[in-house]
PDB file of N, CA and C in Angstrom:
ATOM      1  N   MET A   1     -16.352  12.500  -2.901  1.00  0.00           N
ATOM      2  CA  MET A   1     -15.963  11.051  -2.530  1.00  0.00           C
ATOM      3  C   MET A   1     -15.047  11.255  -3.431  1.00  0.00           C
ATOM      4  N   THR A   2     -13.902  10.310  -2.703  1.00  0.00           N
ATOM      5  CA  THR A   2     -12.945   9.428  -3.211  1.00  0.00           C
ATOM      6  C   THR A   2     -12.990   8.071  -2.703  1.00  0.00           C
ATOM      7  N   SER A   3     -12.234   7.434  -3.707  1.00  0.00           N
ATOM      8  CA  SER A   3     -12.060   6.021  -3.486  1.00  0.00           C
ATOM      9  C   SER A   3     -11.175   4.474  -3.067  1.00  0.00           C
ATOM     10  N   SER A   4     -11.653   3.872  -1.959  1.00  0.00           N
ATOM     11  CA  SER A   4     -10.493   3.486  -1.728  1.00  0.00           C
ATOM     12  C   SER A   4     -10.264   1.907  -2.137  1.00  0.00           C
ATOM     13  N   TYR A   5      -9.506   1.550  -2.021  1.00  0.00           N
ATOM     14  CA  TYR A   5      -8.896   0.099  -2.132  1.00  0.00           C
ATOM     15  C   TYR A   5      -9.163  -0.749  -1.441  1.00  0.00           C
ATOM     16  N   ASP A   6      -9.679  -2.032  -1.563  1.00  0.00           N
ATOM     17  CA  ASP A   6      -9.618  -3.601  -0.567  1.00  0.00           C
ATOM     18  C   ASP A   6      -8.733  -3.922  -0.756  1.00  0.00           C
ATOM     19  N   ILE A   7      -8.256  -4.730   0.381  1.00  0.00           N
ATOM     20  CA  ILE A   7      -7.462  -5.497   0.138  1.00  0.00           C
ATOM     21  C   ILE A   7      -7.837  -6.780   1.321  1.00  0.00           C
ATOM     22  N   PHE A   8      -7.510  -8.055   0.106  1.00  0.00           N
ATOM     23  CA  PHE A   8      -8.192  -9.084   0.431  1.00  0.00           C
ATOM     24  C   PHE A   8      -7.530 -10.326  -0.016  1.00  0.00           C
ATOM     25  N   GLU A   9      -7.341 -11.026   1.464  1.00  0.00           N
ATOM     26  CA  GLU A   9      -6.071 -12.283   1.418  1.00  0.00           C
ATOM     27  C   GLU A   9      -7.193 -13.721   0.905  1.00  0.00           C
ATOM     28  N   MET A  10      -6.763 -14.092   0.370  1.00  0.00           N
ATOM     29  CA  MET A  10      -7.286 -15.788  -0.561  1.00  0.00           C
ATOM     30  C   MET A  10      -7.067 -16.214   0.392  1.00  0.00           C
ATOM     31  N   ILE A  11      -7.989 -17.809   0.436  1.00  0.00           N
ATOM     32  CA  ILE A  11      -7.738 -18.204   2.047  1.00  0.00           C
ATOM     33  C   ILE A  11      -8.921 -19.560   1.340  1.00  0.00           C
ATOM     34  N   ALA A  12      -9.037 -20.445   2.511  1.00  0.00           N
ATOM     35  CA  ALA A  12      -9.306 -21.631   1.755  1.00  0.00           C
ATOM     36  C   ALA A  12     -10.566 -21.818   0.050  1.00  0.00           C
ATOM     37  N   GLY A  13      -9.491 -22.958  -0.846  1.00  0.00           N
ATOM     38  CA  GLY A  13     -10.001 -22.650  -1.949  1.00  0.00           C
ATOM     39  C   GLY A  13      -9.978 -21.019  -2.224  1.00  0.00           C
ATOM     40  N   ASN A  14     -11.066 -20.331  -3.287  1.00  0.00           N
ATOM     41  CA  ASN A  14     -11.101 -19.143  -3.987  1.00  0.00           C
ATOM     42  C   ASN A  14     -12.319 -18.389  -3.117  1.00  0.00           C
ATOM     43  N   ASP A  15     -11.803 -18.831  -1.510  1.00  0.00           N
ATOM     44  CA  ASP A  15     -12.663 -17.764  -0.488  1.00  0.00           C
ATOM     45  C   ASP A  15     -11.731 -16.635  -0.462  1.00  0.00           C
ATOM     46  N   LEU A  16     -12.137 -15.277  -0.552  1.00  0.00           N
ATOM     47  CA  LEU A  16     -11.651 -14.492   0.341  1.00  0.00           C
ATOM     48  C   LEU A  16     -12.167 -13.558   1.673  1.00  0.00           C
ATOM     49  N   MET A  17     -10.868 -13.356   2.665  1.00  0.00           N
ATOM     50  CA  MET A  17     -11.403 -12.469   3.406  1.00  0.00           C
ATOM     51  C   MET A  17     -10.495 -10.884   3.405  1.00  0.00           C
ATOM     52  N   CYS A  18     -11.678 -10.207   3.927  1.00  0.00           N
ATOM     53  CA  CYS A  18     -11.202  -8.985   3.960  1.00  0.00           C
ATOM     54  C   CYS A  18     -10.235  -8.519   4.695  1.00  0.00           C
ATOM     55  N   ILE A  19      -9.414  -7.687   4.579  1.00  0.00           N
ATOM     56  CA  ILE A  19      -8.196  -7.183   5.472  1.00  0.00           C
ATOM     57  C   ILE A  19      -8.112  -5.485   5.922  1.00  0.00           C
ATOM     58  N   GLU A  20      -8.615  -5.143   4.700  1.00  0.00           N
ATOM     59  CA  GLU A  20      -8.761  -3.477   5.316  1.00  0.00           C
ATOM     60  C   GLU A  20      -8.663  -2.450   4.258  1.00  0.00           C
ATOM     61  N   ALA A  21      -9.328  -1.578   4.352  1.00  0.00           N
ATOM     62  CA  ALA A  21      -9.188  -0.572   2.654  1.00  0.00           C
ATOM     63  C   ALA A  21      -8.342   0.631   3.478  1.00  0.00           C
ATOM     64  N   VAL A  22      -7.757   0.743   2.029  1.00  0.00           N
ATOM     65  CA  VAL A  22      -6.618   1.986   1.809  1.00  0.00           C
ATOM     66  C   VAL A  22      -7.037   3.253   0.890  1.00  0.00           C
ATOM     67  N   GLU A  23      -6.581   4.114   0.723  1.00  0.00           N
ATOM     68  CA  GLU A  23      -6.852   5.480   0.448  1.00  0.00           C
ATOM     69  C   GLU A  23      -6.641   4.868  -1.449  1.00  0.00           C
ATOM     70  N   ASP A  24      -5.274   4.701  -1.464  1.00  0.00           N
ATOM     71  CA  ASP A  24      -4.813   4.859  -2.805  1.00  0.00           C
ATOM     72  C   ASP A  24      -3.776   3.752  -3.366  1.00  0.00           C
ATOM     73  N   LEU A  25      -3.559   3.219  -4.489  1.00  0.00           N
ATOM     74  CA  LEU A  25      -2.972   2.052  -4.736  1.00  0.00           C
ATOM     75  C   LEU A  25      -1.353   2.239  -4.002  1.00  0.00           C
ATOM     76  N   SER A  26      -0.573   3.314  -4.445  1.00  0.00           N
ATOM     77  CA  SER A  26       0.037   3.144  -3.386  1.00  0.00           C
ATOM     78  C   SER A  26       0.396   2.904  -2.084  1.00  0.00           C
ATOM     79  N   THR A  27      -0.459   3.008  -1.581  1.00  0.00           N
ATOM     80  CA  THR A  27      -0.801   2.693   0.368  1.00  0.00           C
ATOM     81  C   THR A  27      -1.008   1.176  -0.271  1.00  0.00           C
ATOM     82  N   ALA A  28      -1.970   0.775  -0.952  1.00  0.00           N
ATOM     83  CA  ALA A  28      -2.016  -0.295  -1.210  1.00  0.00           C
ATOM     84  C   ALA A  28      -0.768  -1.186  -0.697  1.00  0.00           C
ATOM     85  N   LYS A  29      -0.109  -1.231  -1.874  1.00  0.00           N
ATOM     86  CA  LYS A  29       1.589  -1.853  -2.374  1.00  0.00           C
ATOM     87  C   LYS A  29       2.049  -1.841  -1.341  1.00  0.00           C
ATOM     88  N   LYS A  30       2.804  -0.648   0.137  1.00  0.00           N
ATOM     89  CA  LYS A  30       3.107  -0.783   0.749  1.00  0.00           C
ATOM     90  C   LYS A  30       2.197  -1.978   1.704  1.00  0.00           C
ATOM     91  N   ARG A  31       0.930  -1.358   1.999  1.00  0.00           N
ATOM     92  CA  ARG A  31       0.907  -2.782   3.288  1.00  0.00           C
ATOM     93  C   ARG A  31       1.082  -4.165   2.284  1.00  0.00           C
ATOM     94  N   LEU A  32       0.652  -4.621   1.392  1.00  0.00           N
ATOM     95  CA  LEU A  32       0.741  -5.625   0.758  1.00  0.00           C
ATOM     96  C   LEU A  32       2.406  -6.282   1.313  1.00  0.00           C
ATOM     97  N   VAL A  33       3.092  -5.367   1.491  1.00  0.00           N
ATOM     98  CA  VAL A  33       4.243  -6.080   1.310  1.00  0.00           C
ATOM     99  C   VAL A  33       4.126  -6.215   2.976  1.00  0.00           C
ATOM    100  N   SER A  34       4.008  -5.123   3.231  1.00  0.00           N
ATOM    101  CA  SER A  34       4.143  -5.224   5.019  1.00  0.00           C
ATOM    102  C   SER A  34       3.572  -6.599   5.448  1.00  0.00           C
ATOM    103  N   LEU A  35       2.001  -6.814   5.260  1.00  0.00           N
ATOM    104  CA  LEU A  35       1.662  -7.866   5.444  1.00  0.00           C
ATOM    105  C   LEU A  35       2.043  -9.004   4.573  1.00  0.00           C
ATOM    106  N   ALA A  36       2.577  -9.243   3.910  1.00  0.00           N
ATOM    107  CA  ALA A  36       3.363 -10.183   3.371  1.00  0.00           C
ATOM    108  C   ALA A  36       5.115 -10.820   4.286  1.00  0.00           C
ATOM    109  N   SER A  37       5.168  -9.611   5.037  1.00  0.00           N
ATOM    110  CA  SER A  37       6.193  -9.799   5.516  1.00  0.00           C
ATOM    111  C   SER A  37       6.494 -10.330   6.913  1.00  0.00           C
ATOM    112  N   SER A  38       4.806 -10.223   7.344  1.00  0.00           N
ATOM    113  CA  SER A  38       4.691 -11.188   8.577  1.00  0.00           C
ATOM    114  C   SER A  38       3.467 -12.044   8.818  1.00  0.00           C
ATOM    115  N   LYS A  39       3.125 -12.448   7.304  1.00  0.00           N
ATOM    116  CA  LYS A  39       2.095 -13.613   7.133  1.00  0.00           C
ATOM    117  C   LYS A  39       2.275 -13.728   6.028  1.00  0.00           C
ATOM    118  N   PRO A  40       2.589 -14.594   4.681  1.00  0.00           N
ATOM    119  CA  PRO A  40       2.856 -14.484   3.964  1.00  0.00           C
ATOM    120  C   PRO A  40       0.948 -15.178   3.538  1.00  0.00           C
ATOM    121  N   GLY A  41       0.976 -14.587   2.244  1.00  0.00           N
ATOM    122  CA  GLY A  41      -0.361 -15.365   1.630  1.00  0.00           C
ATOM    123  C   GLY A  41      -0.534 -14.698   0.206  1.00  0.00           C
ATOM    124  N   ASP A  42      -1.736 -15.092  -0.072  1.00  0.00           N
ATOM    125  CA  ASP A  42      -1.640 -14.400  -1.458  1.00  0.00           C
ATOM    126  C   ASP A  42      -3.770 -13.446  -1.163  1.00  0.00           C
ATOM    127  N   TYR A  43      -2.330 -12.189  -1.527  1.00  0.00           N
ATOM    128  CA  TYR A  43      -3.210 -10.995  -1.075  1.00  0.00           C
ATOM    129  C   TYR A  43      -3.930 -10.293  -2.210  1.00  0.00           C
ATOM    130  N   ARG A  44      -4.831  -9.793  -2.667  1.00  0.00           N
ATOM    131  CA  ARG A  44      -5.376  -9.176  -3.531  1.00  0.00           C
ATOM    132  C   ARG A  44      -5.823  -7.801  -3.536  1.00  0.00           C
ATOM    133  N   VAL A  45      -6.136  -7.358  -4.176  1.00  0.00           N
ATOM    134  CA  VAL A  45      -6.313  -5.428  -3.994  1.00  0.00           C
ATOM    135  C   VAL A  45      -7.195  -5.237  -5.167  1.00  0.00           C
ATOM    136  N   TRP A  46      -8.720  -4.752  -4.676  1.00  0.00           N
ATOM    137  CA  TRP A  46      -9.847  -4.441  -5.213  1.00  0.00           C
ATOM    138  C   TRP A  46      -9.599  -2.870  -5.891  1.00  0.00           C
ATOM    139  N   ASP A  47     -10.142  -3.140  -6.861  1.00  0.00           N
ATOM    140  CA  ASP A  47     -10.861  -0.927  -7.152  1.00  0.00           C
ATOM    141  C   ASP A  47     -11.504  -1.473  -7.584  1.00  0.00           C
ATOM    142  N   PRO A  48     -12.153  -0.317  -7.039  1.00  0.00           N
ATOM    143  CA  PRO A  48     -14.524  -0.601  -6.731  1.00  0.00           C
ATOM    144  C   PRO A  48     -14.578   0.235  -8.442  1.00  0.00           C
ATOM    145  N   SER A  49     -14.075   1.621  -8.557  1.00  0.00           N
ATOM    146  CA  SER A  49     -13.783   2.050  -9.499  1.00  0.00           C
ATOM    147  C   SER A  49     -14.278   1.722 -11.705  1.00  0.00           C
ATOM    148  N   ARG A  50     -13.331  -0.108 -10.760  1.00  0.00           N
ATOM    149  CA  ARG A  50     -13.067  -0.898 -12.370  1.00  0.00           C
ATOM    150  C   ARG A  50     -13.623  -2.078 -12.075  1.00  0.00           C
ATOM    151  N   GLN A  51     -14.294  -2.559 -10.871  1.00  0.00           N
ATOM    152  CA  GLN A  51     -15.135  -3.280 -10.112  1.00  0.00           C
ATOM    153  C   GLN A  51     -14.109  -4.517 -10.548  1.00  0.00           C
ATOM    154  N   GLN A  52     -13.235  -4.620  -9.949  1.00  0.00           N
ATOM    155  CA  GLN A  52     -12.066  -5.685 -10.276  1.00  0.00           C
ATOM    156  C   GLN A  52     -10.752  -5.812  -9.564  1.00  0.00           C
ATOM    157  N   PHE A  53     -10.180  -6.413  -9.135  1.00  0.00           N
ATOM    158  CA  PHE A  53      -8.839  -7.122  -8.781  1.00  0.00           C
ATOM    159  C   PHE A  53      -7.688  -6.391  -9.519  1.00  0.00           C
ATOM    160  N   VAL A  54      -7.003  -5.773  -8.441  1.00  0.00           N
ATOM    161  CA  VAL A  54      -6.129  -4.953  -9.643  1.00  0.00           C
ATOM    162  C   VAL A  54      -4.420  -5.714  -9.645  1.00  0.00           C
ATOM    163  N   ASP A  55      -3.967  -5.925 -10.463  1.00  0.00           N
ATOM    164  CA  ASP A  55      -2.328  -6.196 -10.430  1.00  0.00           C
ATOM    165  C   ASP A  55      -1.385  -5.385 -10.125  1.00  0.00           C
ATOM    166  N   THR A  56      -1.098  -5.382  -8.951  1.00  0.00           N
ATOM    167  CA  THR A  56      -0.127  -4.556  -7.844  1.00  0.00           C
ATOM    168  C   THR A  56       1.485  -4.917  -8.153  1.00  0.00           C
ATOM    169  N   SER A  57       1.333  -5.405  -8.479  1.00  0.00           N
ATOM    170  CA  SER A  57       2.825  -6.806  -8.723  1.00  0.00           C
ATOM    171  C   SER A  57       2.966  -7.555  -9.788  1.00  0.00           C
ATOM    172  N   ARG A  58       3.857  -7.867 -10.413  1.00  0.00           N
ATOM    173  CA  ARG A  58       4.338  -9.159 -11.323  1.00  0.00           C
ATOM    174  C   ARG A  58       5.238 -10.328  -9.989  1.00  0.00           C
ATOM    175  N   LYS A  59       5.015  -9.414  -8.812  1.00  0.00           N
ATOM    176  CA  LYS A  59       5.948 -10.907  -8.167  1.00  0.00           C
ATOM    177  C   LYS A  59       4.632 -10.864  -7.072  1.00  0.00           C
ATOM    178  N   ARG A  60       4.793 -12.342  -6.748  1.00  0.00           N
ATOM    179  CA  ARG A  60       3.458 -12.809  -5.815  1.00  0.00           C
ATOM    180  C   ARG A  60       3.965 -12.667  -4.546  1.00  0.00           C
ATOM    181  N   PHE A  61       2.557 -11.926  -3.595  1.00  0.00           N
ATOM    182  CA  PHE A  61       3.640 -11.291  -2.542  1.00  0.00           C
ATOM    183  C   PHE A  61       3.860 -12.528  -1.519  1.00  0.00           C
ATOM    184  N   LYS A  62       3.004 -13.775  -1.719  1.00  0.00           N
ATOM    185  CA  LYS A  62       3.445 -14.955  -1.402  1.00  0.00           C
ATOM    186  C   LYS A  62       5.272 -14.670  -1.036  1.00  0.00           C
ATOM    187  N   ASP A  63       6.090 -14.510  -1.619  1.00  0.00           N
ATOM    188  CA  ASP A  63       7.307 -14.623  -2.034  1.00  0.00           C
ATOM    189  C   ASP A  63       8.519 -14.308  -1.219  1.00  0.00           C
ATOM    190  N   CYS A  64       7.457 -13.103  -1.218  1.00  0.00           N
ATOM    191  CA  CYS A  64       8.285 -11.656  -0.180  1.00  0.00           C
ATOM    192  C   CYS A  64       8.831 -12.027   0.808  1.00  0.00           C
ATOM    193  N   ALA A  65       9.623 -11.475   1.310  1.00  0.00           N
ATOM    194  CA  ALA A  65      10.610 -12.020   2.876  1.00  0.00           C
ATOM    195  C   ALA A  65      10.982 -10.625   3.762  1.00  0.00           C
TER     196      ALA A  65
END
């Protein structure tokens, strides 16, 4: 069984909204860039194997254009 990464968007306050699940971290990074280009926001990636959000980039995705 392969683990997937969940992509979330931070919404009002500290609430999270699940966007989608992807197969690997590389796909997650590409999807975050795509999401940020169409709807700037604060996106996070959850790694279920580590039970924590992972840092996919040092740059905030809401700053991508």
